[in-house]
Amino acid sequence: MKRIMKNEVKNIRFREMAANAITGCRIILSLAMIFFPAFSSGFYVCYLAAGFTDMVDGTIARKLGTDSKLGAKLDTAADIVFAAVSLFRVLPAIQISTGIWIWTGLIGMIKIFNVVYGFLKQKQFAAVHSIGNKLTGIALFVFPLSLSVIDIKYSSVFVCMLATFAAIQESCFIRSNAGF
C-alpha cells in the first residue's frame, strides 16, 4: 500500500513539473545557441528544439491540468531568452535595410510603451497572448529558417507588418483590459 502511494506521489509531482521542465529546457537550449555560429547545424538543432518546447509546454500544462501563473511567467521569461539569443546570433549574420531597422525600432517602442502602460494600469507585468502576437511569434520563428528560400527584403517586410499589427492590437487590448 505504501509503495502504491509513493508511486502516486511521484506521478503527481512529475505531472506538476512536466510543463515547467519543458519550458526550462527552452532556456537551456536558447543559451546553448550562443556557442554555435548562426545557421550552423548546432544552431539549428538548438533553435528547432527550443521552438518545439515552446509549442508543447502550454499544451502539456493544459492537458495535465497544471497550467499556472508561475508557468505563464516562466514561459514569458523563456520566450525573452530565446528571442534575445536568437537576435544576438542571427542579426549580425544577415543584411537588413535601414528602413527595416527603423520600422523594427518603432515596433519596439510601441511594445515598450505597452509594457510600461500595462504595468502602470494593472500594477503588474502585462503579457498579452493575442492572436496577433502568436502569429508574429510564428513568423519570427520561421524567419531565420526561410532566409535561404525567401529574399530577406520580402520576409522582413512581412514580419514587420505582422509585428506592427500585433503591437497595435496589444495596445488596444491593454487600454480596454481585454488582454487581462
C-alpha atoms as a PDB file:
ATOM      1  CA  MET A   1       0.000   0.000   0.000  1.00  0.00           C
ATOM      2  CA  LYS A   2       2.800   2.403   0.917  1.00  0.00           C
ATOM      3  CA  ARG A   3       4.562   1.632  -2.352  1.00  0.00           C
ATOM      4  CA  ILE A   4       1.428   2.458  -4.384  1.00  0.00           C
ATOM      5  CA  MET A   5       1.008   5.745  -2.511  1.00  0.00           C
ATOM      6  CA  LYS A   6       4.684   6.584  -3.070  1.00  0.00           C
ATOM      7  CA  ASN A   7       4.313   5.974  -6.816  1.00  0.00           C
ATOM      8  CA  GLU A   8       1.167   8.116  -6.910  1.00  0.00           C
ATOM      9  CA  VAL A   9       3.004  10.971  -5.156  1.00  0.00           C
ATOM     10  CA  LYS A  10       5.864  10.701  -7.672  1.00  0.00           C
ATOM     11  CA  ASN A  11       3.364  10.691 -10.541  1.00  0.00           C
ATOM     12  CA  ILE A  12       1.640  13.806  -9.172  1.00  0.00           C
ATOM     13  CA  ARG A  13       4.985  15.603  -8.759  1.00  0.00           C
ATOM     14  CA  PHE A  14       6.001  14.664 -12.307  1.00  0.00           C
ATOM     15  CA  ARG A  15       2.680  15.930 -13.651  1.00  0.00           C
ATOM     16  CA  GLU A  16       3.075  19.226 -11.760  1.00  0.00           C
ATOM     17  CA  MET A  17       6.607  19.783 -13.028  1.00  0.00           C
ATOM     18  CA  ALA A  18       6.446  18.421 -16.599  1.00  0.00           C
ATOM     19  CA  ALA A  19       5.434  21.580 -18.463  1.00  0.00           C
ATOM     20  CA  ASN A  20       7.729  23.845 -16.440  1.00  0.00           C
ATOM     21  CA  ALA A  21      10.630  21.433 -17.006  1.00  0.00           C
ATOM     22  CA  ILE A  22       9.986  21.603 -20.759  1.00  0.00           C
ATOM     23  CA  THR A  23       9.941  25.408 -20.536  1.00  0.00           C
ATOM     24  CA  GLY A  24      13.212  25.269 -18.591  1.00  0.00           C
ATOM     25  CA  CYS A  25      14.690  23.192 -21.418  1.00  0.00           C
ATOM     26  CA  ARG A  26      13.863  26.078 -23.785  1.00  0.00           C
ATOM     27  CA  ILE A  27      16.002  28.396 -21.666  1.00  0.00           C
ATOM     28  CA  ILE A  28      18.902  25.901 -21.653  1.00  0.00           C
ATOM     29  CA  LEU A  29      18.610  25.278 -25.411  1.00  0.00           C
ATOM     30  CA  SER A  30      18.451  29.025 -26.057  1.00  0.00           C
ATOM     31  CA  LEU A  31      21.600  29.640 -24.043  1.00  0.00           C
ATOM     32  CA  ALA A  32      23.302  26.754 -25.864  1.00  0.00           C
ATOM     33  CA  MET A  33      22.711  28.601 -29.174  1.00  0.00           C
ATOM     34  CA  ILE A  34      25.260  31.189 -28.020  1.00  0.00           C
ATOM     35  CA  PHE A  35      28.018  28.627 -28.550  1.00  0.00           C
ATOM     36  CA  PHE A  36      27.172  27.898 -32.184  1.00  0.00           C
ATOM     37  CA  PRO A  37      27.621  30.139 -35.232  1.00  0.00           C
ATOM     38  CA  ALA A  38      24.353  31.366 -36.755  1.00  0.00           C
ATOM     39  CA  PHE A  39      22.900  28.947 -39.305  1.00  0.00           C
ATOM     40  CA  SER A  40      25.259  26.092 -38.313  1.00  0.00           C
ATOM     41  CA  SER A  41      23.944  22.589 -37.662  1.00  0.00           C
ATOM     42  CA  GLY A  42      24.320  23.002 -33.894  1.00  0.00           C
ATOM     43  CA  PHE A  43      22.492  26.317 -34.007  1.00  0.00           C
ATOM     44  CA  TYR A  44      19.602  24.817 -35.978  1.00  0.00           C
ATOM     45  CA  VAL A  45      19.314  21.786 -33.667  1.00  0.00           C
ATOM     46  CA  CYS A  46      19.057  24.029 -30.584  1.00  0.00           C
ATOM     47  CA  TYR A  47      16.817  26.530 -32.386  1.00  0.00           C
ATOM     48  CA  LEU A  48      14.345  23.906 -33.606  1.00  0.00           C
ATOM     49  CA  ALA A  49      14.319  22.031 -30.291  1.00  0.00           C
ATOM     50  CA  ALA A  50      13.715  25.271 -28.366  1.00  0.00           C
ATOM     51  CA  GLY A  51      10.911  26.158 -30.770  1.00  0.00           C
ATOM     52  CA  PHE A  52       9.380  22.732 -30.263  1.00  0.00           C
ATOM     53  CA  THR A  53       9.386  23.171 -26.477  1.00  0.00           C
ATOM     54  CA  ASP A  54       7.564  26.475 -26.953  1.00  0.00           C
ATOM     55  CA  MET A  55       4.859  24.709 -28.942  1.00  0.00           C
ATOM     56  CA  VAL A  56       4.291  21.880 -26.467  1.00  0.00           C
ATOM     57  CA  ASP A  57       4.795  23.232 -22.941  1.00  0.00           C
ATOM     58  CA  GLY A  58       1.491  25.097 -22.706  1.00  0.00           C
ATOM     59  CA  THR A  59      -0.436  22.269 -24.342  1.00  0.00           C
ATOM     60  CA  ILE A  60       1.011  19.758 -21.885  1.00  0.00           C
ATOM     61  CA  ALA A  61       0.231  22.029 -18.922  1.00  0.00           C
ATOM     62  CA  ARG A  62      -3.391  22.389 -20.040  1.00  0.00           C
ATOM     63  CA  LYS A  63      -3.795  18.648 -20.768  1.00  0.00           C
ATOM     64  CA  LEU A  64      -2.390  17.722 -17.352  1.00  0.00           C
ATOM     65  CA  GLY A  65      -4.363  20.477 -15.632  1.00  0.00           C
ATOM     66  CA  THR A  66      -1.162  22.035 -14.284  1.00  0.00           C
ATOM     67  CA  ASP A  67      -1.212  25.427 -16.004  1.00  0.00           C
ATOM     68  CA  SER A  68      -0.358  28.184 -13.539  1.00  0.00           C
ATOM     69  CA  LYS A  69       0.680  31.807 -13.207  1.00  0.00           C
ATOM     70  CA  LEU A  70       4.220  30.629 -12.442  1.00  0.00           C
ATOM     71  CA  GLY A  71       4.228  28.560 -15.634  1.00  0.00           C
ATOM     72  CA  ALA A  72       2.976  31.519 -17.673  1.00  0.00           C
ATOM     73  CA  LYS A  73       5.698  33.765 -16.230  1.00  0.00           C
ATOM     74  CA  LEU A  74       8.358  31.112 -16.820  1.00  0.00           C
ATOM     75  CA  ASP A  75       7.098  30.745 -20.410  1.00  0.00           C
ATOM     76  CA  THR A  76       7.371  34.511 -20.954  1.00  0.00           C
ATOM     77  CA  ALA A  77      10.903  34.522 -19.487  1.00  0.00           C
ATOM     78  CA  ALA A  78      11.882  31.595 -21.729  1.00  0.00           C
ATOM     79  CA  ASP A  79      10.450  33.413 -24.752  1.00  0.00           C
ATOM     80  CA  ILE A  80      12.512  36.502 -23.908  1.00  0.00           C
ATOM     81  CA  VAL A  81      15.734  34.470 -23.522  1.00  0.00           C
ATOM     82  CA  PHE A  82      15.037  32.607 -26.775  1.00  0.00           C
ATOM     83  CA  ALA A  83      14.311  35.826 -28.670  1.00  0.00           C
ATOM     84  CA  ALA A  84      17.330  37.658 -27.231  1.00  0.00           C
ATOM     85  CA  VAL A  85      19.795  34.855 -28.033  1.00  0.00           C
ATOM     86  CA  SER A  86      18.263  34.355 -31.487  1.00  0.00           C
ATOM     87  CA  LEU A  87      18.635  38.061 -32.234  1.00  0.00           C
ATOM     88  CA  PHE A  88      22.176  38.065 -30.840  1.00  0.00           C
ATOM     89  CA  ARG A  89      23.123  35.228 -33.168  1.00  0.00           C
ATOM     90  CA  VAL A  90      21.088  35.932 -36.320  1.00  0.00           C
ATOM     91  CA  LEU A  91      21.182  39.736 -36.707  1.00  0.00           C
ATOM     92  CA  PRO A  92      24.973  40.045 -37.149  1.00  0.00           C
ATOM     93  CA  ALA A  93      24.833  37.312 -39.811  1.00  0.00           C
ATOM     94  CA  ILE A  94      22.273  38.999 -42.103  1.00  0.00           C
ATOM     95  CA  GLN A  95      21.972  42.261 -44.013  1.00  0.00           C
ATOM     96  CA  ILE A  96      18.885  44.281 -43.075  1.00  0.00           C
ATOM     97  CA  SER A  97      17.961  47.561 -44.762  1.00  0.00           C
ATOM     98  CA  THR A  98      17.907  50.833 -42.833  1.00  0.00           C
ATOM     99  CA  GLY A  99      14.152  51.125 -43.392  1.00  0.00           C
ATOM    100  CA  ILE A 100      13.543  47.759 -41.719  1.00  0.00           C
ATOM    101  CA  TRP A 101      15.782  48.761 -38.802  1.00  0.00           C
ATOM    102  CA  ILE A 102      13.776  51.961 -38.334  1.00  0.00           C
ATOM    103  CA  TRP A 103      10.480  50.065 -38.619  1.00  0.00           C
ATOM    104  CA  THR A 104      11.707  47.487 -36.092  1.00  0.00           C
ATOM    105  CA  GLY A 105      12.719  50.289 -33.730  1.00  0.00           C
ATOM    106  CA  LEU A 106       9.241  51.817 -33.950  1.00  0.00           C
ATOM    107  CA  ILE A 107       7.639  48.441 -33.228  1.00  0.00           C
ATOM    108  CA  GLY A 108       9.987  48.057 -30.265  1.00  0.00           C
ATOM    109  CA  MET A 109       8.958  51.471 -28.931  1.00  0.00           C
ATOM    110  CA  ILE A 110       5.271  50.524 -29.174  1.00  0.00           C
ATOM    111  CA  LYS A 111       5.960  47.246 -27.356  1.00  0.00           C
ATOM    112  CA  ILE A 112       7.912  49.035 -24.600  1.00  0.00           C
ATOM    113  CA  PHE A 113       5.072  51.574 -24.281  1.00  0.00           C
ATOM    114  CA  ASN A 114       2.616  48.661 -23.979  1.00  0.00           C
ATOM    115  CA  VAL A 115       4.644  47.060 -21.178  1.00  0.00           C
ATOM    116  CA  VAL A 116       5.000  50.332 -19.250  1.00  0.00           C
ATOM    117  CA  TYR A 117       1.379  51.368 -19.772  1.00  0.00           C
ATOM    118  CA  GLY A 118       0.138  47.889 -18.855  1.00  0.00           C
ATOM    119  CA  PHE A 119       2.250  47.907 -15.698  1.00  0.00           C
ATOM    120  CA  LEU A 120       1.028  51.358 -14.672  1.00  0.00           C
ATOM    121  CA  LYS A 121      -2.595  50.446 -15.379  1.00  0.00           C
ATOM    122  CA  GLN A 122      -2.629  46.924 -13.913  1.00  0.00           C
ATOM    123  CA  LYS A 123       0.178  47.252 -11.328  1.00  0.00           C
ATOM    124  CA  GLN A 124       1.692  44.095 -12.798  1.00  0.00           C
ATOM    125  CA  PHE A 125       3.653  42.960 -15.825  1.00  0.00           C
ATOM    126  CA  ALA A 126       1.216  42.641 -18.723  1.00  0.00           C
ATOM    127  CA  ALA A 127       1.820  39.952 -21.328  1.00  0.00           C
ATOM    128  CA  VAL A 128      -0.975  39.809 -23.870  1.00  0.00           C
ATOM    129  CA  HIS A 129      -1.286  36.443 -25.608  1.00  0.00           C
ATOM    130  CA  SER A 130      -3.257  37.728 -28.590  1.00  0.00           C
ATOM    131  CA  ILE A 131      -3.640  36.094 -31.982  1.00  0.00           C
ATOM    132  CA  GLY A 132      -1.509  38.899 -33.451  1.00  0.00           C
ATOM    133  CA  ASN A 133       1.327  38.211 -31.006  1.00  0.00           C
ATOM    134  CA  LYS A 134       1.118  34.475 -31.652  1.00  0.00           C
ATOM    135  CA  LEU A 135       1.200  34.948 -35.441  1.00  0.00           C
ATOM    136  CA  THR A 136       4.149  37.315 -35.082  1.00  0.00           C
ATOM    137  CA  GLY A 137       5.929  34.759 -32.921  1.00  0.00           C
ATOM    138  CA  ILE A 138       5.424  32.089 -35.577  1.00  0.00           C
ATOM    139  CA  ALA A 139       6.645  34.437 -38.323  1.00  0.00           C
ATOM    140  CA  LEU A 140       9.699  35.411 -36.275  1.00  0.00           C
ATOM    141  CA  PHE A 141      10.457  31.749 -35.603  1.00  0.00           C
ATOM    142  CA  VAL A 142      10.211  30.840 -39.294  1.00  0.00           C
ATOM    143  CA  PHE A 143      12.166  33.934 -40.417  1.00  0.00           C
ATOM    144  CA  PRO A 144      15.719  32.541 -39.947  1.00  0.00           C
ATOM    145  CA  LEU A 145      14.625  29.207 -41.404  1.00  0.00           C
ATOM    146  CA  SER A 146      13.284  30.895 -44.544  1.00  0.00           C
ATOM    147  CA  LEU A 147      16.297  33.063 -45.393  1.00  0.00           C
ATOM    148  CA  SER A 148      17.750  30.548 -47.826  1.00  0.00           C
ATOM    149  CA  VAL A 149      14.436  30.363 -49.715  1.00  0.00           C
ATOM    150  CA  ILE A 150      12.800  33.818 -49.475  1.00  0.00           C
ATOM    151  CA  ASP A 151      14.647  37.080 -50.113  1.00  0.00           C
ATOM    152  CA  ILE A 152      15.137  38.946 -46.835  1.00  0.00           C
ATOM    153  CA  LYS A 153      13.603  42.161 -48.208  1.00  0.00           C
ATOM    154  CA  TYR A 154      10.260  40.356 -48.624  1.00  0.00           C
ATOM    155  CA  SER A 155      10.319  38.235 -45.488  1.00  0.00           C
ATOM    156  CA  SER A 156      11.383  41.148 -43.271  1.00  0.00           C
ATOM    157  CA  VAL A 157       8.541  43.359 -44.566  1.00  0.00           C
ATOM    158  CA  PHE A 158       6.040  40.563 -43.905  1.00  0.00           C
ATOM    159  CA  VAL A 159       7.319  40.035 -40.356  1.00  0.00           C
ATOM    160  CA  CYS A 160       7.295  43.790 -39.657  1.00  0.00           C
ATOM    161  CA  MET A 161       3.718  44.112 -40.950  1.00  0.00           C
ATOM    162  CA  LEU A 162       2.570  41.323 -38.630  1.00  0.00           C
ATOM    163  CA  ALA A 163       4.523  42.728 -35.689  1.00  0.00           C
ATOM    164  CA  THR A 164       3.069  46.215 -36.255  1.00  0.00           C
ATOM    165  CA  PHE A 165      -0.455  44.814 -36.286  1.00  0.00           C
ATOM    166  CA  ALA A 166       0.267  42.779 -33.142  1.00  0.00           C
ATOM    167  CA  ALA A 167       1.768  45.738 -31.266  1.00  0.00           C
ATOM    168  CA  ILE A 168      -1.192  47.985 -32.100  1.00  0.00           C
ATOM    169  CA  GLN A 169      -3.669  45.204 -31.244  1.00  0.00           C
ATOM    170  CA  GLU A 170      -1.866  44.711 -27.939  1.00  0.00           C
ATOM    171  CA  SER A 171      -2.177  48.459 -27.211  1.00  0.00           C
ATOM    172  CA  CYS A 172      -5.930  48.289 -27.795  1.00  0.00           C
ATOM    173  CA  PHE A 173      -6.280  45.226 -25.550  1.00  0.00           C
ATOM    174  CA  ILE A 174      -4.288  46.840 -22.745  1.00  0.00           C
ATOM    175  CA  ARG A 175      -6.320  50.052 -22.926  1.00  0.00           C
ATOM    176  CA  SER A 176      -9.604  48.133 -22.859  1.00  0.00           C
ATOM    177  CA  ASN A 177      -8.439  45.497 -20.303  1.00  0.00           C
ATOM    178  CA  ALA A 178      -9.348  42.801 -22.881  1.00  0.00           C
ATOM    179  CA  GLY A 179      -5.891  41.219 -22.675  1.00  0.00           C
ATOM    180  CA  PHE A 180      -6.052  40.611 -18.924  1.00  0.00           C
END
